[in-house]
Amino acid sequence: MTKAKVISPQDALDGLHALFALNIREIPPTLELHREALQWAHQLGQGAAYDAAYLALAEQLQAPFWTADRRLANAAQQAGAAWVCWIGEDYPKAPPG
């Protein structure tokens, strides 16, 4: 973004500081997580498992999963994942698991 002059170098630095201040916890991938992601990808008819990896992680953490991808949210909900939400709808009514 700075190369394209969309934001200034100072804005980029400020953004990095704000990002690191969120104290986001990294969760290392495991064989089980990958296995679950592949199952989600298969169940949803996806050729790639990257979206399914986020679904598997949310399910593992028993956390709601919010997405801007309405088709992904609909497909996951139809597969029984009531904890998957499209950003245009209300908070999920059921926790994963």
Protein backbone atom coordinates (compact mmCIF):
# COMPACT_ATOMS: atom_id res chain seq x y z
CA MET A 1 0.00 0.00 0.00
CA THR A 2 2.90 2.35 0.67
CA LYS A 3 4.49 1.43 -2.67
CA ALA A 4 1.23 2.37 -4.41
CA LYS A 5 1.14 5.56 -2.31
CA VAL A 6 -2.26 4.62 -0.91
CA ILE A 7 -0.97 5.08 2.64
CA SER A 8 2.08 6.81 4.03
CA PRO A 9 4.99 4.92 5.57
CA GLN A 10 3.93 6.34 8.95
CA ASP A 11 0.38 5.02 8.46
CA ALA A 12 1.85 1.59 7.64
CA LEU A 13 3.94 1.67 10.81
CA ASP A 14 0.96 2.82 12.87
CA GLY A 15 -1.05 -0.04 11.41
CA LEU A 16 1.63 -2.56 12.37
CA HIS A 17 1.69 -1.23 15.92
CA ALA A 18 -2.11 -1.51 16.13
CA LEU A 19 -2.01 -5.03 14.73
CA PHE A 20 0.58 -6.24 17.23
CA ALA A 21 -1.30 -4.53 20.08
CA LEU A 22 -4.22 -6.90 19.43
CA ASN A 23 -2.18 -9.73 20.99
CA ILE A 24 -3.41 -12.23 18.43
CA ARG A 25 -2.53 -15.78 19.41
CA GLU A 26 -1.04 -17.97 16.71
CA ILE A 27 -2.31 -21.53 16.64
CA PRO A 28 0.04 -23.98 14.99
CA PRO A 29 -1.48 -26.42 12.52
CA THR A 30 -1.78 -30.03 13.59
CA LEU A 31 -2.49 -33.25 11.76
CA GLU A 32 -5.95 -33.34 13.36
CA LEU A 33 -6.72 -29.78 12.22
CA HIS A 34 -5.68 -30.62 8.65
CA ARG A 35 -7.73 -33.82 8.78
CA GLU A 36 -10.81 -31.87 9.88
CA ALA A 37 -10.18 -29.23 7.20
CA LEU A 38 -10.06 -31.91 4.51
CA GLN A 39 -13.32 -33.36 5.83
CA TRP A 40 -14.97 -29.92 5.72
CA ALA A 41 -13.66 -29.31 2.19
CA HIS A 42 -15.05 -32.66 1.06
CA GLN A 43 -18.38 -32.10 2.80
CA LEU A 44 -18.76 -28.65 1.21
CA GLY A 45 -17.58 -29.80 -2.21
CA GLN A 46 -14.57 -27.50 -2.21
CA GLY A 47 -11.52 -28.28 -4.31
CA ALA A 48 -9.24 -26.37 -1.95
CA ALA A 49 -9.14 -26.63 1.83
CA TYR A 50 -8.12 -23.11 2.84
CA ASP A 51 -11.66 -21.96 3.74
CA ALA A 52 -12.26 -25.34 5.36
CA ALA A 53 -9.15 -24.87 7.51
CA TYR A 54 -10.74 -21.79 9.09
CA LEU A 55 -13.96 -23.74 9.65
CA ALA A 56 -12.05 -26.60 11.26
CA LEU A 57 -10.17 -24.20 13.53
CA ALA A 58 -13.34 -22.41 14.61
CA GLU A 59 -14.95 -25.75 15.32
CA GLN A 60 -11.91 -26.91 17.31
CA LEU A 61 -11.93 -23.69 19.37
CA GLN A 62 -15.73 -23.83 19.74
CA ALA A 63 -15.85 -20.28 18.43
CA PRO A 64 -18.26 -18.63 16.02
CA PHE A 65 -16.94 -18.28 12.49
CA TRP A 66 -17.81 -15.07 10.65
CA THR A 67 -17.32 -14.77 6.91
CA ALA A 68 -18.07 -12.28 4.16
CA ASP A 69 -18.52 -15.25 1.82
CA ARG A 70 -22.27 -15.79 1.86
CA ARG A 71 -22.08 -19.00 -0.16
CA LEU A 72 -19.56 -20.50 2.28
CA ALA A 73 -21.75 -19.52 5.24
CA ASN A 74 -24.86 -21.00 3.61
CA ALA A 75 -23.11 -24.23 2.66
CA ALA A 76 -21.61 -24.67 6.13
CA GLN A 77 -24.95 -23.92 7.81
CA GLN A 78 -26.67 -26.45 5.55
CA ALA A 79 -24.01 -28.97 6.60
CA GLY A 80 -25.05 -28.43 10.23
CA ALA A 81 -22.59 -25.74 11.29
CA ALA A 82 -25.04 -23.30 12.91
CA TRP A 83 -22.05 -21.47 14.40
CA VAL A 84 -20.98 -20.23 10.95
CA CYS A 85 -22.32 -16.77 10.17
CA TRP A 86 -22.37 -14.49 7.21
CA ILE A 87 -21.46 -10.95 8.33
CA GLY A 88 -24.91 -9.74 7.28
CA GLU A 89 -26.80 -11.88 9.81
CA ASP A 90 -27.25 -12.10 13.58
CA TYR A 91 -24.93 -13.82 16.04
CA PRO A 92 -25.01 -17.62 15.82
CA LYS A 93 -27.50 -19.37 18.02
CA ALA A 94 -25.53 -22.57 18.62
CA PRO A 95 -21.87 -23.09 19.55
CA PRO A 96 -19.80 -25.50 17.50
CA GLY A 97 -19.30 -29.09 18.56
